[in-house]
Amino acid sequence: MTRKFDAKLLLLDPDDLPRATEVLAAFDCAIEIDPSVVDPDSEAIFGFISGTTELDVYAIGDWFDKTVAPLLGLSIDVDEWSFHGREPW
C-alpha cells in the first residue's frame, strides 16, 4: 500500500537547496523550508520532505541514507519521519 510520509530535513549549506530539490523530485518528493527555524551558529536550513512510499515506516530512514543521500553528495540529513498526518517529532 502506498502511503504519504513526512521527514524532518537539515541541509547544512543553503546553496545546496536547488540540487536537493531536483534529486528529491526524481523520487516524487518535495521539500518545504521552515524559515522560522534558525541555527544562529551556522547557515543551515531546516524543513520537511514529503513524498509517498510503499516502505514500512521504519525503513524510510534507511532508504534515504542508502538511496537518496548518495545521489545528493551534499550535507543533508533526515532524522525523524512518519507517515503523513502523524508528526514525527
Protein backbone atom coordinates (compact mmCIF):
# COMPACT_ATOMS: atom_id res chain seq x y z
CA MET A 1 0.00 0.00 0.00
CA THR A 2 1.34 3.44 -0.93
CA ARG A 3 1.31 5.98 1.90
CA LYS A 4 2.35 9.61 2.26
CA PHE A 5 5.28 10.34 4.56
CA ASP A 6 6.93 13.40 6.07
CA ALA A 7 10.53 13.71 7.27
CA LYS A 8 12.40 16.43 9.12
CA LEU A 9 15.22 17.87 6.97
CA LEU A 10 18.54 19.53 7.83
CA LEU A 11 20.56 21.00 4.97
CA LEU A 12 23.90 22.45 6.10
CA ASP A 13 24.54 24.65 3.04
CA PRO A 14 21.64 26.74 1.70
CA ASP A 15 23.34 26.80 -1.72
CA ASP A 16 22.61 23.05 -1.97
CA LEU A 17 18.84 23.56 -1.86
CA PRO A 18 18.29 23.61 -5.66
CA ARG A 19 20.20 20.33 -6.13
CA ALA A 20 18.45 18.68 -3.19
CA THR A 21 15.08 19.77 -4.58
CA GLU A 22 15.96 18.37 -8.02
CA VAL A 23 17.12 14.98 -6.72
CA LEU A 24 14.18 14.56 -4.37
CA ALA A 25 11.76 15.47 -7.17
CA ALA A 26 13.12 12.49 -9.12
CA PHE A 27 11.74 10.35 -6.27
CA ASP A 28 8.42 12.25 -6.29
CA CYS A 29 9.36 14.02 -3.07
CA ALA A 30 9.10 17.71 -2.26
CA ILE A 31 10.98 19.99 0.14
CA GLU A 32 9.33 22.67 2.23
CA ILE A 33 11.70 25.01 4.07
CA ASP A 34 10.70 26.24 7.53
CA PRO A 35 12.02 29.83 7.73
CA SER A 36 11.06 30.09 11.40
CA VAL A 37 13.77 27.60 12.43
CA VAL A 38 17.22 29.19 12.50
CA ASP A 39 20.59 27.99 13.77
CA PRO A 40 22.41 31.13 14.93
CA ASP A 41 25.78 29.37 14.65
CA SER A 42 25.51 28.22 11.04
CA GLU A 43 23.81 28.81 7.70
CA ALA A 44 21.90 25.50 7.98
CA ILE A 45 18.31 25.45 6.82
CA PHE A 46 15.55 23.28 8.18
CA GLY A 47 12.36 21.99 6.72
CA PHE A 48 10.42 18.92 5.68
CA ILE A 49 10.49 16.34 2.93
CA SER A 50 7.18 14.86 1.85
CA GLY A 51 6.56 12.02 -0.53
CA THR A 52 4.95 8.62 -0.98
CA THR A 53 6.29 5.17 -0.27
CA GLU A 54 5.36 1.53 -0.08
CA LEU A 55 8.05 1.00 2.56
CA ASP A 56 7.38 0.29 6.20
CA VAL A 57 7.74 3.48 8.26
CA TYR A 58 10.88 2.05 9.92
CA ALA A 59 12.60 1.66 6.52
CA ILE A 60 12.24 5.27 5.34
CA GLY A 61 15.44 6.46 7.03
CA ASP A 62 17.47 3.59 5.58
CA TRP A 63 16.02 4.27 2.12
CA PHE A 64 17.04 7.90 2.37
CA ASP A 65 20.55 7.13 3.66
CA LYS A 66 21.28 4.38 1.11
CA THR A 67 19.42 5.62 -1.98
CA VAL A 68 18.81 9.36 -1.91
CA ALA A 69 21.69 10.82 0.13
CA PRO A 70 24.48 9.28 -2.01
CA LEU A 71 22.96 10.85 -5.12
CA LEU A 72 22.96 14.23 -3.48
CA GLY A 73 26.56 14.21 -2.33
CA LEU A 74 25.56 17.06 -0.06
CA SER A 75 25.45 17.78 3.64
CA ILE A 76 21.86 16.72 4.15
CA ASP A 77 20.22 14.72 6.88
CA VAL A 78 16.82 13.44 7.88
CA ASP A 79 16.50 12.43 11.49
CA GLU A 80 12.79 11.88 12.09
CA TRP A 81 9.95 10.70 9.85
CA SER A 82 6.45 9.28 9.95
CA PHE A 83 3.50 8.62 7.75
CA HIS A 84 1.63 11.76 6.74
CA GLY A 85 -0.65 13.14 9.40
CA ARG A 86 1.38 11.73 12.27
CA GLU A 87 4.02 14.21 13.38
CA PRO A 88 7.44 12.57 13.62
CA TRP A 89 8.74 14.99 16.23
